[in-house]
Amino acid sequence: MPTKPEDAVAQMQKKNLESAMRLAQLSIENSQRILQLQVDVAREIFDDGVNSAKALAQAKSPQDAMELRARYAQHAADKMFSCSRSIAEITSDMQAELGHLVSDQLNKGGQEMFDAMQQMLKGMPLNSHAAAEALQHTFDTARKTLEQVAKASSDAFSSFAQMPGGKK
């Protein structure tokens, strides 16, 4: 661990930059997954629409045509719902990964910042013990709050992803 407060702060900034880069990478990867999923579903729905139009052109009665339309509409709705569930799952996974990343950052970075702040407070004429305790309490509260928010968000996305409705 760095001995000077300036070195500790520089090390924390480096780790924060690495975490920000990892967060950006996660965001890009998940955005690509969601976009690819949407493109695939759009292509499938288009192909199904073409096939449905061909089948409708060959329908022998208005009742057959209505049944074909109803089947196509149900099939398209099922695909869209499945796509929504997949997006919720991707988002939930990213939320969990983001929660772990931020929690790790708070746990590791918080302790390093706490140590650096203690070093800086040592030479000051104020009650450094009380300031250090207040700082530690602030870090602990922030970490617990973040963990609660991440869990609630993850639970909400998981609940949506597990809703009945035709997952493939």
Protein backbone atom coordinates (compact mmCIF):
# COMPACT_ATOMS: atom_id res chain seq x y z
CA MET A 1 0.00 0.00 0.00
CA PRO A 2 1.31 3.48 -0.81
CA THR A 3 2.73 5.33 2.17
CA LYS A 4 1.94 8.91 1.16
CA PRO A 5 -1.66 10.17 0.97
CA GLU A 6 -0.95 11.52 -2.53
CA ASP A 7 0.20 8.07 -3.68
CA ALA A 8 -2.88 6.47 -2.16
CA VAL A 9 -5.16 8.95 -3.93
CA ALA A 10 -3.35 8.40 -7.25
CA GLN A 11 -3.70 4.63 -6.83
CA MET A 12 -7.43 5.02 -6.08
CA GLN A 13 -7.86 7.20 -9.16
CA LYS A 14 -6.17 4.54 -11.28
CA LYS A 15 -8.46 1.84 -9.89
CA ASN A 16 -11.49 4.08 -10.41
CA LEU A 17 -10.48 4.59 -14.04
CA GLU A 18 -10.10 0.83 -14.51
CA SER A 19 -13.56 0.31 -12.99
CA ALA A 20 -15.05 2.98 -15.23
CA MET A 21 -13.50 1.30 -18.27
CA ARG A 22 -14.93 -2.07 -17.18
CA LEU A 23 -18.33 -0.45 -16.69
CA ALA A 24 -18.19 1.06 -20.18
CA GLN A 25 -17.20 -2.32 -21.63
CA LEU A 26 -20.12 -4.01 -19.84
CA SER A 27 -22.49 -1.39 -21.17
CA ILE A 28 -21.25 -1.80 -24.74
CA GLU A 29 -21.40 -5.60 -24.61
CA ASN A 30 -24.93 -5.64 -23.22
CA SER A 31 -26.12 -3.00 -25.67
CA GLN A 32 -24.76 -5.15 -28.50
CA ARG A 33 -26.54 -8.22 -27.13
CA ILE A 34 -29.84 -6.35 -26.89
CA LEU A 35 -29.48 -4.84 -30.37
CA GLN A 36 -28.64 -8.24 -31.89
CA LEU A 37 -31.63 -9.77 -30.16
CA GLN A 38 -33.91 -7.04 -31.53
CA VAL A 39 -32.49 -7.45 -35.05
CA ASP A 40 -32.99 -11.23 -34.90
CA VAL A 41 -36.58 -10.88 -33.68
CA ALA A 42 -37.35 -8.23 -36.31
CA ARG A 43 -35.95 -10.52 -39.01
CA GLU A 44 -37.99 -13.48 -37.75
CA ILE A 45 -41.18 -11.41 -37.60
CA PHE A 46 -40.54 -10.09 -41.10
CA ASP A 47 -39.97 -13.61 -42.45
CA ASP A 48 -43.08 -14.82 -40.66
CA GLY A 49 -45.01 -11.89 -42.15
CA VAL A 50 -43.91 -12.82 -45.66
CA ASN A 51 -44.89 -16.45 -45.08
CA SER A 52 -48.20 -15.36 -43.59
CA ALA A 53 -48.92 -13.11 -46.59
CA LYS A 54 -48.23 -16.03 -48.93
CA ALA A 55 -50.52 -18.27 -46.88
CA LEU A 56 -53.25 -15.60 -46.81
CA ALA A 57 -53.07 -15.29 -50.59
CA GLN A 58 -53.84 -18.99 -50.82
CA ALA A 59 -56.63 -18.97 -48.21
CA LYS A 60 -59.80 -20.49 -49.60
CA SER A 61 -62.29 -18.67 -47.38
CA PRO A 62 -62.50 -15.52 -45.27
CA GLN A 63 -62.69 -17.73 -42.18
CA ASP A 64 -59.37 -19.43 -43.12
CA ALA A 65 -57.83 -16.00 -43.66
CA MET A 66 -59.02 -14.80 -40.24
CA GLU A 67 -57.63 -17.91 -38.56
CA LEU A 68 -54.27 -17.41 -40.30
CA ARG A 69 -54.17 -13.75 -39.22
CA ALA A 70 -55.04 -14.66 -35.65
CA ARG A 71 -52.32 -17.33 -35.55
CA TYR A 72 -49.77 -14.91 -37.03
CA ALA A 73 -50.73 -12.16 -34.56
CA GLN A 74 -50.44 -14.59 -31.63
CA HIS A 75 -47.10 -15.87 -32.90
CA ALA A 76 -45.77 -12.32 -33.33
CA ALA A 77 -46.99 -11.33 -29.87
CA ASP A 78 -45.30 -14.40 -28.36
CA LYS A 79 -42.03 -13.48 -30.08
CA MET A 80 -42.22 -9.90 -28.84
CA PHE A 81 -42.97 -11.02 -25.28
CA SER A 82 -40.12 -13.51 -25.43
CA CYS A 83 -37.84 -10.73 -26.69
CA SER A 84 -38.93 -8.50 -23.80
CA ARG A 85 -38.17 -11.28 -21.34
CA SER A 86 -34.75 -11.84 -22.89
CA ILE A 87 -34.00 -8.12 -22.65
CA ALA A 88 -35.08 -8.19 -18.99
CA GLU A 89 -32.75 -11.15 -18.37
CA ILE A 90 -29.83 -9.39 -20.06
CA THR A 91 -30.58 -6.26 -18.05
CA SER A 92 -30.85 -8.27 -14.83
CA ASP A 93 -27.52 -9.97 -15.51
CA MET A 94 -25.91 -6.61 -16.20
CA GLN A 95 -27.49 -5.16 -13.07
CA ALA A 96 -26.03 -7.99 -10.99
CA GLU A 97 -22.61 -7.61 -12.59
CA LEU A 98 -22.74 -3.85 -12.12
CA GLY A 99 -23.77 -4.32 -8.49
CA HIS A 100 -20.79 -6.62 -7.90
CA LEU A 101 -18.45 -4.19 -9.65
CA VAL A 102 -19.63 -1.20 -7.64
CA SER A 103 -19.77 -3.18 -4.40
CA ASP A 104 -16.21 -4.38 -4.91
CA GLN A 105 -15.17 -0.84 -5.72
CA LEU A 106 -16.81 0.46 -2.56
CA ASN A 107 -15.38 -2.31 -0.41
CA LYS A 108 -11.82 -2.14 -1.71
CA GLY A 109 -11.71 1.51 -2.70
CA GLY A 110 -13.56 2.57 0.43
CA GLN A 111 -10.99 0.95 2.67
CA GLU A 112 -8.14 2.48 0.67
CA MET A 113 -9.80 5.90 0.80
CA PHE A 114 -10.43 5.44 4.51
CA ASP A 115 -6.75 4.60 5.06
CA ALA A 116 -5.63 7.58 2.97
CA MET A 117 -7.99 9.89 4.86
CA GLN A 118 -6.68 8.58 8.18
CA GLN A 119 -3.14 9.41 7.07
CA MET A 120 -4.19 12.92 6.07
CA LEU A 121 -6.10 13.45 9.32
CA LYS A 122 -3.15 12.41 11.52
CA GLY A 123 -1.38 15.74 11.18
CA MET A 124 -4.48 17.90 11.64
CA PRO A 125 -5.37 19.57 14.94
CA LEU A 126 -8.89 18.10 15.03
CA ASN A 127 -10.18 14.91 16.55
CA SER A 128 -9.03 12.50 13.84
CA HIS A 129 -10.56 9.45 15.54
CA ALA A 130 -14.08 10.92 15.41
CA ALA A 131 -13.56 12.03 11.79
CA ALA A 132 -12.29 8.57 10.84
CA GLU A 133 -15.29 6.92 12.49
CA ALA A 134 -17.67 9.28 10.67
CA LEU A 135 -15.92 8.53 7.38
CA GLN A 136 -16.10 4.76 7.98
CA HIS A 137 -19.80 5.05 8.87
CA THR A 138 -20.44 6.96 5.64
CA PHE A 139 -18.71 4.27 3.55
CA ASP A 140 -20.56 1.48 5.33
CA THR A 141 -23.92 3.20 4.84
CA ALA A 142 -23.22 3.85 1.14
CA ARG A 143 -22.21 0.22 0.58
CA LYS A 144 -25.28 -1.16 2.37
CA THR A 145 -27.59 1.18 0.46
CA LEU A 146 -26.05 0.20 -2.86
CA GLU A 147 -26.39 -3.50 -2.02
CA GLN A 148 -30.08 -3.04 -1.13
CA VAL A 149 -30.81 -1.10 -4.34
CA ALA A 150 -28.96 -3.67 -6.46
CA LYS A 151 -30.84 -6.55 -4.82
CA ALA A 152 -34.24 -4.89 -5.21
CA SER A 153 -33.54 -4.08 -8.85
CA SER A 154 -32.25 -7.57 -9.56
CA ASP A 155 -35.30 -9.12 -7.88
CA ALA A 156 -37.63 -6.94 -9.95
CA PHE A 157 -35.98 -7.91 -13.24
CA SER A 158 -35.88 -11.57 -12.22
CA SER A 159 -39.59 -11.50 -11.40
CA PHE A 160 -40.38 -10.07 -14.83
CA ALA A 161 -38.16 -12.61 -16.56
CA GLN A 162 -39.91 -15.47 -14.73
CA MET A 163 -43.45 -14.32 -15.60
CA PRO A 164 -45.46 -16.92 -17.50
CA GLY A 165 -46.00 -16.20 -21.13
CA GLY A 166 -44.19 -18.40 -23.52
CA LYS A 167 -40.44 -18.35 -23.04
CA LYS A 168 -38.71 -20.48 -25.67
